Protein backbone atom coordinates (compact mmCIF):
# COMPACT_ATOMS: atom_id res chain seq x y z
CA MET A 1 40.50 -39.23 -4.38
CA PRO A 2 40.00 -36.79 -7.27
CA ALA A 3 36.36 -36.10 -8.13
CA THR A 4 35.02 -37.76 -11.27
CA ARG A 5 33.71 -35.63 -14.13
CA THR A 6 30.15 -36.68 -13.25
CA THR A 7 30.64 -35.60 -9.64
CA GLN A 8 32.13 -32.29 -10.73
CA ARG A 9 29.17 -31.61 -13.01
CA ARG A 10 26.77 -32.44 -10.18
CA ARG A 11 28.55 -30.02 -7.86
CA ARG A 12 28.43 -27.23 -10.44
CA THR A 13 24.69 -27.85 -10.94
CA LEU A 14 24.00 -27.72 -7.20
CA ALA A 15 26.02 -24.51 -6.89
CA ALA A 16 24.06 -22.92 -9.71
CA VAL A 17 20.76 -23.88 -8.11
CA ALA A 18 21.90 -22.50 -4.75
CA ALA A 19 22.76 -19.22 -6.40
CA LEU A 20 19.28 -18.70 -7.85
CA PRO A 21 17.73 -17.15 -4.72
CA LEU A 22 20.57 -14.60 -4.59
CA LEU A 23 20.11 -13.85 -8.27
CA ALA A 24 16.39 -13.27 -7.69
CA VAL A 25 17.15 -10.81 -4.92
CA VAL A 26 19.58 -8.90 -7.10
CA LEU A 27 17.16 -8.74 -10.03
CA GLY A 28 14.32 -7.72 -7.73
CA ALA A 29 16.38 -4.76 -6.56
CA CYS A 30 16.78 -3.41 -10.09
CA GLY A 31 14.49 -0.98 -11.86
CA TYR A 32 12.21 1.75 -10.52
CA GLY A 33 10.21 -0.33 -8.05
CA SER A 34 9.59 -3.86 -6.94
CA GLU A 35 6.73 -6.06 -8.03
CA GLY A 36 4.22 -6.82 -5.28
CA GLU A 37 4.76 -10.10 -3.48
CA LYS A 38 1.98 -12.54 -2.72
CA ASP A 39 0.49 -12.64 0.77
CA GLU A 40 -1.28 -15.61 2.36
CA LYS A 41 -4.44 -14.39 0.61
CA VAL A 42 -4.05 -14.61 -3.15
CA ALA A 43 -5.66 -11.70 -4.97
CA PRO A 44 -8.09 -12.66 -7.75
CA ALA A 45 -6.38 -13.50 -11.01
CA ALA A 46 -7.12 -11.77 -14.28
CA GLU A 47 -10.10 -13.57 -15.77
CA GLY A 48 -12.36 -13.04 -18.74
CA GLU A 49 -12.00 -10.80 -21.73
CA LYS A 50 -9.02 -8.46 -22.00
CA ILE A 51 -10.11 -4.85 -22.27
CA GLY A 52 -9.26 -3.68 -25.77
CA GLY A 53 -7.10 -6.79 -26.11
CA LEU A 54 -4.53 -5.34 -23.65
CA GLY A 55 -2.66 -8.03 -21.75
CA GLU A 56 -1.54 -5.98 -18.74
CA VAL A 57 -1.63 -2.57 -17.14
CA LYS A 58 1.35 -1.47 -15.05
CA ILE A 59 0.31 0.28 -11.82
CA GLY A 60 2.58 2.08 -9.35
CA TYR A 61 1.96 3.02 -5.73
CA PHE A 62 3.71 3.42 -2.36
CA ALA A 63 3.58 1.06 0.61
CA ASN A 64 2.03 3.91 2.61
CA ILE A 65 -1.34 4.23 4.34
CA THR A 66 -1.82 7.40 2.28
CA HIS A 67 -2.06 5.01 -0.69
CA ALA A 68 -4.83 2.99 0.94
CA THR A 69 -6.91 2.91 -2.25
CA ALA A 70 -4.17 1.07 -4.11
CA LEU A 71 -3.33 -1.19 -1.17
CA VAL A 72 -6.92 -2.25 -0.52
CA GLY A 73 -7.98 -2.28 -4.17
CA LEU A 74 -5.14 -4.61 -5.10
CA GLN A 75 -5.42 -6.80 -2.03
CA GLU A 76 -9.16 -7.32 -2.33
CA GLY A 77 -9.15 -7.60 -6.10
CA LEU A 78 -11.59 -4.73 -6.50
CA ILE A 79 -9.53 -3.11 -9.26
CA GLN A 80 -8.62 -6.37 -10.99
CA LYS A 81 -12.30 -7.33 -11.08
CA GLU A 82 -13.05 -4.28 -13.23
CA LEU A 83 -10.18 -5.12 -15.59
CA GLY A 84 -11.33 -8.65 -16.41
CA GLY A 85 -8.59 -10.45 -18.31
CA THR A 86 -6.26 -7.44 -18.41
CA LYS A 87 -3.73 -8.29 -15.71
CA ILE A 88 -2.40 -5.76 -13.19
CA LYS A 89 1.38 -5.61 -12.91
CA PRO A 90 2.07 -3.71 -9.65
CA GLN A 91 5.23 -1.84 -8.68
CA VAL A 92 6.02 -0.31 -5.29
CA PHE A 93 7.88 3.01 -4.93
CA ASN A 94 9.37 4.94 -2.02
CA ALA A 95 8.64 8.48 -3.23
CA GLY A 96 7.15 10.43 -6.08
CA PRO A 97 10.13 11.52 -8.20
CA SER A 98 11.19 7.93 -8.90
CA GLU A 99 7.62 7.04 -9.84
CA ILE A 100 7.50 9.94 -12.31
CA GLU A 101 10.72 8.63 -13.87
CA ALA A 102 9.07 5.24 -14.26
CA LEU A 103 5.98 6.80 -15.84
CA ASN A 104 8.14 8.75 -18.30
CA ALA A 105 10.07 5.60 -19.18
CA GLY A 106 6.92 3.57 -19.74
CA ALA A 107 7.70 1.30 -16.79
CA ILE A 108 4.25 2.10 -15.37
CA ASP A 109 1.04 3.32 -17.01
CA ILE A 110 -1.01 4.51 -14.02
CA GLY A 111 0.13 5.50 -10.55
CA TRP A 112 -0.95 6.65 -7.13
CA ILE A 113 1.30 9.59 -6.24
CA GLY A 114 1.53 12.87 -4.32
CA PRO A 115 0.82 16.36 -5.67
CA SER A 116 4.36 17.80 -5.77
CA PRO A 117 5.92 15.19 -8.08
CA SER A 118 2.77 15.37 -10.22
CA ILE A 119 3.21 19.13 -10.62
CA ASN A 120 6.96 18.83 -11.17
CA GLY A 121 6.63 16.07 -13.75
CA PHE A 122 3.86 17.85 -15.64
CA THR A 123 5.70 21.18 -15.65
CA LYS A 124 9.11 19.82 -16.69
CA SER A 125 7.53 17.97 -19.61
CA LYS A 126 5.66 21.16 -20.63
CA GLY A 127 2.40 19.41 -19.97
CA GLN A 128 3.11 16.39 -22.15
CA ASN A 129 3.69 13.43 -19.85
CA LEU A 130 0.76 12.91 -17.47
CA ARG A 131 -2.77 13.74 -16.40
CA ILE A 132 -4.27 13.64 -12.92
CA ILE A 133 -7.45 11.57 -13.32
CA SER A 134 -8.71 11.20 -9.74
CA GLY A 135 -8.12 11.89 -6.11
CA SER A 136 -7.42 9.21 -3.55
CA ALA A 137 -6.52 10.58 -0.12
CA SER A 138 -6.27 13.70 2.03
CA GLY A 139 -4.21 14.25 5.18
CA GLY A 140 -2.05 11.65 6.83
CA VAL A 141 1.14 13.74 7.21
CA SER A 142 2.79 14.92 10.43
CA LEU A 143 5.94 16.49 11.80
CA VAL A 144 7.08 14.04 14.45
CA VAL A 145 9.95 15.00 16.76
CA ASN A 146 12.07 13.78 19.63
CA PRO A 147 10.32 15.48 22.57
CA LYS A 148 13.58 15.65 24.51
CA LYS A 149 15.22 17.76 21.80
CA ILE A 150 12.26 19.70 20.39
CA LYS A 151 9.50 20.87 22.69
CA SER A 152 7.84 23.48 20.48
CA LEU A 153 7.83 24.75 16.90
CA ASP A 154 10.20 27.49 18.02
CA ASP A 155 12.89 24.88 18.73
CA LEU A 156 13.48 23.77 15.12
CA LYS A 157 16.54 25.91 14.45
CA GLY A 158 19.74 23.87 14.44
CA LYS A 159 17.88 20.56 14.32
CA ARG A 160 18.00 17.68 11.80
CA ILE A 161 14.63 16.94 10.17
CA ALA A 162 14.03 14.20 7.60
CA THR A 163 11.78 13.98 4.55
CA PRO A 164 11.44 10.97 2.18
CA GLN A 165 13.09 12.51 -0.92
CA LEU A 166 14.20 15.82 -2.40
CA GLY A 167 11.23 17.40 -4.14
CA ASN A 168 8.63 14.95 -2.88
CA THR A 169 5.38 16.24 -1.36
CA GLN A 170 6.55 16.20 2.25
CA ASP A 171 9.88 17.78 1.32
CA VAL A 172 8.09 20.71 -0.33
CA ALA A 173 5.73 21.08 2.64
CA LEU A 174 8.60 21.18 5.14
CA LEU A 175 10.67 23.64 3.11
CA ASN A 176 7.65 25.93 2.77
CA TYR A 177 6.86 25.75 6.47
CA LEU A 178 10.43 26.52 7.49
CA SER A 179 10.48 29.48 5.10
CA GLU A 180 7.30 30.84 6.65
CA LYS A 181 8.95 30.51 10.06
CA GLY A 182 11.86 32.64 8.79
CA LEU A 183 14.28 29.69 8.74
CA LYS A 184 16.55 29.51 5.68
CA VAL A 185 17.48 26.19 4.06
CA ASP A 186 19.31 25.52 0.80
CA THR A 187 16.83 23.45 -1.18
CA ASN A 188 19.37 21.21 -2.91
CA THR A 189 21.81 20.54 -0.07
CA GLY A 190 19.32 20.69 2.78
CA LYS A 191 21.78 22.78 4.80
CA GLY A 192 20.85 25.93 6.67
CA ASP A 193 19.11 27.04 9.85
CA VAL A 194 17.57 23.58 9.87
CA THR A 195 19.31 20.59 8.29
CA VAL A 196 16.88 18.72 6.04
CA ILE A 197 17.87 15.08 5.57
CA ARG A 198 16.39 13.23 2.59
CA GLN A 199 16.03 9.58 3.53
CA ASP A 200 14.01 6.56 2.51
CA ASN A 201 10.78 6.19 4.52
CA LYS A 202 11.91 2.69 5.51
CA GLN A 203 15.15 4.03 7.02
CA ILE A 204 13.76 7.04 8.88
CA PRO A 205 12.44 5.18 11.99
CA ALA A 206 15.82 3.53 12.64
CA SER A 207 17.67 6.83 12.15
CA PHE A 208 15.22 8.54 14.49
CA GLU A 209 15.63 5.93 17.23
CA SER A 210 19.43 6.04 16.89
CA GLY A 211 19.37 9.79 17.55
CA SER A 212 20.78 10.84 14.16
CA LEU A 213 17.48 12.61 13.41
CA ASP A 214 15.63 15.05 15.63
CA GLY A 215 12.40 14.76 13.71
CA ALA A 216 10.74 14.01 10.38
CA TRP A 217 7.95 15.40 8.21
CA VAL A 218 6.48 12.16 6.92
CA PRO A 219 3.32 10.39 5.72
CA GLU A 220 1.54 7.50 7.38
CA PRO A 221 2.46 4.94 8.53
CA THR A 222 6.00 6.33 9.03
CA ALA A 223 4.67 9.10 11.29
CA SER A 224 2.94 6.60 13.58
CA LYS A 225 6.04 4.38 13.57
CA LEU A 226 8.04 7.31 14.92
CA VAL A 227 5.44 7.96 17.62
CA ALA A 228 5.53 4.28 18.61
CA GLY A 229 9.33 4.65 18.85
CA GLY A 230 9.11 7.51 21.35
CA GLY A 231 8.39 10.49 19.13
CA SER A 232 5.58 12.99 19.51
CA VAL A 233 3.49 14.78 16.90
CA LEU A 234 4.53 18.42 16.92
CA LEU A 235 2.37 19.39 13.96
CA ASP A 236 -0.39 17.64 12.00
CA GLU A 237 -0.25 19.13 8.50
CA LYS A 238 -4.07 19.27 8.43
CA LYS A 239 -3.82 22.31 10.71
CA LEU A 240 -2.10 24.26 7.92
CA TRP A 241 -4.96 23.82 5.43
CA LYS A 242 -8.47 25.24 5.15
CA ASP A 243 -11.03 22.81 6.58
CA GLY A 244 -8.11 20.44 7.26
CA LYS A 245 -8.24 19.10 3.70
CA PHE A 246 -5.34 18.86 1.26
CA VAL A 247 -4.46 16.40 -1.45
CA ILE A 248 -1.84 13.91 -0.42
CA THR A 249 -2.46 11.25 -3.08
CA ASN A 250 -3.64 11.59 -6.70
CA VAL A 251 -4.13 9.03 -9.42
CA ILE A 252 -2.11 9.88 -12.54
CA VAL A 253 -1.84 8.31 -15.97
CA SER A 254 0.54 8.56 -18.87
CA GLN A 255 -1.06 10.74 -21.54
CA LYS A 256 0.01 8.21 -24.16
CA PHE A 257 -1.66 5.39 -22.27
CA LEU A 258 -4.80 7.46 -21.67
CA LYS A 259 -5.08 8.21 -25.38
CA GLU A 260 -4.46 4.61 -26.48
CA HIS A 261 -6.39 2.76 -23.73
CA PRO A 262 -9.19 4.96 -22.30
CA ASP A 263 -11.35 1.90 -21.57
CA VAL A 264 -8.61 0.42 -19.39
CA VAL A 265 -8.18 3.73 -17.54
CA GLU A 266 -11.93 3.91 -17.00
CA ALA A 267 -11.91 0.37 -15.60
CA VAL A 268 -9.13 1.25 -13.14
CA LEU A 269 -11.13 4.31 -12.06
CA ARG A 270 -14.25 2.19 -11.53
CA GLY A 271 -12.15 -0.05 -9.32
CA SER A 272 -10.73 2.97 -7.48
CA VAL A 273 -14.17 4.49 -6.84
CA LYS A 274 -15.58 1.15 -5.66
CA THR A 275 -12.54 0.62 -3.45
CA ASN A 276 -12.90 4.05 -1.85
CA ALA A 277 -16.57 3.42 -1.16
CA TRP A 278 -15.78 0.02 0.37
CA ILE A 279 -13.02 1.51 2.54
CA ASN A 280 -15.33 4.20 3.92
CA GLU A 281 -18.17 1.72 4.50
CA ASN A 282 -15.96 -0.99 6.04
CA PRO A 283 -13.08 0.80 7.81
CA ASP A 284 -11.98 -2.12 10.00
CA GLU A 285 -12.00 -4.68 7.19
CA ALA A 286 -10.27 -2.19 4.90
CA LYS A 287 -7.60 -1.51 7.49
CA ALA A 288 -6.92 -5.24 7.76
CA ALA A 289 -6.72 -5.53 3.96
CA ALA A 290 -4.29 -2.61 3.74
CA ASN A 291 -2.11 -4.16 6.43
CA ALA A 292 -2.13 -7.50 4.62
CA LYS A 293 -0.92 -5.78 1.45
CA LEU A 294 1.78 -3.93 3.38
CA LYS A 295 2.94 -7.30 4.71
CA ALA A 296 3.03 -8.71 1.20
CA ASP A 297 5.03 -5.74 -0.08
CA SER A 298 7.41 -5.23 2.84
CA GLY A 299 7.50 -8.60 4.58
CA ALA A 300 5.89 -7.40 7.83
CA ALA A 301 2.47 -6.19 8.88
CA LEU A 302 2.14 -3.09 11.05
CA PRO A 303 1.43 -3.62 14.76
CA PRO A 304 -1.82 -2.19 16.22
CA GLU A 305 -0.02 0.75 17.85
CA VAL A 306 1.06 1.88 14.37
CA ILE A 307 -1.74 0.86 12.00
CA ASP A 308 -4.60 2.10 14.21
CA PRO A 309 -3.54 5.76 14.54
CA ALA A 310 -2.17 5.85 10.99
CA TRP A 311 -5.48 4.63 9.57
CA LYS A 312 -7.48 7.24 11.48
CA ASN A 313 -5.26 10.05 10.22
CA VAL A 314 -6.03 9.54 6.51
CA ASP A 315 -9.23 10.54 4.71
CA ILE A 316 -10.13 8.55 1.59
CA THR A 317 -11.78 10.48 -1.24
CA ASP A 318 -12.36 10.45 -4.99
CA ASP A 319 -11.96 14.24 -5.03
CA PRO A 320 -8.43 15.35 -6.04
CA LEU A 321 -9.01 18.62 -4.14
CA ALA A 322 -7.73 20.52 -7.16
CA SER A 323 -7.64 23.92 -5.47
CA THR A 324 -5.07 22.64 -2.96
CA LEU A 325 -2.83 21.49 -5.83
CA SER A 326 -2.41 25.13 -6.86
CA VAL A 327 -1.26 25.97 -3.34
CA SER A 328 1.24 23.09 -3.38
CA SER A 329 2.56 24.49 -6.66
CA GLU A 330 3.13 27.89 -5.05
CA HIS A 331 5.03 26.17 -2.24
CA ALA A 332 7.29 24.40 -4.77
CA VAL A 333 8.04 27.75 -6.45
CA LYS A 334 8.87 29.34 -3.13
CA ALA A 335 11.20 26.44 -2.32
CA GLY A 336 13.04 26.95 -5.61
CA LEU A 337 11.99 23.60 -7.05
CA LEU A 338 9.92 25.17 -9.82
CA GLU A 339 10.37 28.39 -11.76
CA ASP A 340 7.18 28.73 -13.74
CA PRO A 341 4.65 26.01 -12.93
CA LEU A 342 2.42 24.93 -15.78
CA LEU A 343 -0.87 23.66 -14.40
CA ASP A 344 -3.37 24.30 -17.20
CA GLY A 345 -4.50 20.91 -18.42
CA ILE A 346 -2.99 18.88 -15.59
CA TYR A 347 -6.40 17.37 -14.79
CA ASP A 348 -8.63 15.19 -16.92
CA LEU A 349 -11.53 14.19 -14.70
CA SER A 350 -13.86 13.24 -17.57
CA LEU A 351 -13.59 9.49 -17.02
CA LEU A 352 -13.85 9.87 -13.25
CA ASN A 353 -16.99 11.96 -13.60
CA LYS A 354 -18.38 9.40 -16.05
CA VAL A 355 -17.87 6.68 -13.44
CA LEU A 356 -19.34 8.84 -10.66
CA LYS A 357 -22.39 9.71 -12.78
CA ALA A 358 -23.04 6.01 -13.40
CA ASP A 359 -23.02 5.57 -9.61
CA GLY A 360 -25.43 8.46 -9.11
CA LYS A 361 -22.73 10.66 -7.56
CA PRO A 362 -22.06 14.35 -8.30
CA ALA A 363 -19.30 15.45 -10.64
CA ILE A 364 -16.00 16.71 -9.23
CA ASP A 365 -14.51 20.09 -10.13
CA ASP A 366 -10.99 20.54 -11.52
CA ALA A 367 -10.63 24.15 -10.30
CA GLY A 368 -10.25 25.37 -13.87
CA LEU A 369 -7.14 23.26 -14.47
CA GLY A 370 -8.68 20.64 -16.74
CA ALA A 371 -7.59 19.50 -20.16
CA GLU A 372 -9.61 20.94 -23.04
């Protein structure tokens, strides 16, 4: 029997409703990053007075342990608490260059990010797009290899090594290291004595286990995931730096946003400083909070064999370790990613030092690279 018009309308309505989840997935895949998903624990909502009347502040970060400040600060509500009624709109990124694009486009206002994309973005804009306003983390990067294929650092020639993205912090570090070893690689194509494969952090473990990669120079927790999958740490990047300290994560802000909303930036920095202190005072609770946020952002928490070593490999700090940024810049030049790096004015630590002073903590130096 032919369907009545009422039945046909009902079928079309049901079909449209059924299609909504698919539409949500498609829309969620658009843009520069994805908005953070809710975990079982709901982070505190924006409450109270809006700072300067601003409704929201858009914050970017990676779902990496090297971005523990953002993970824990968002999960525990320590940053939102400082913002009162100004709501945080979070976005998750895979690597620095895409986050810089989002900052330039106004899709985010403040972001946790590595040194190389910070330098690249600042230089290409002739010093007009961003400021580094705080440190966040040091360390947490390793070269992990298949021990059956690579037994020493002298075995890298002819091998396939991954990094998260062309021009990101780990990519620059690997290219510089290979150059110092006398191994030639074309920066753009990744071809040469060693083949450098640029691949999403989320895809690298599967590629490694399938045998299509021989190793990867990656941040935590990807490095520990590779170890859990049978890899071995051939080189901890800490060994390449004086005192084992180097900046792996900064906090940056759009210069426009900093100029228009300094009170909001200061509030985020208060939350960042308080988060860092809480992490260092409560490492186990902070690790659990970071893992809960990773679950909310990626759909799965990290198992103990991954989260435990990853957490231990990262040092949380307010200090941006400005002197190491200059070294990272030299590495980017050597790799051919930068011609004439412009670093003067890349830092503005005035609000950070204001927050630290209020907490009775010493000021942090910008290594002569501060804004006037």
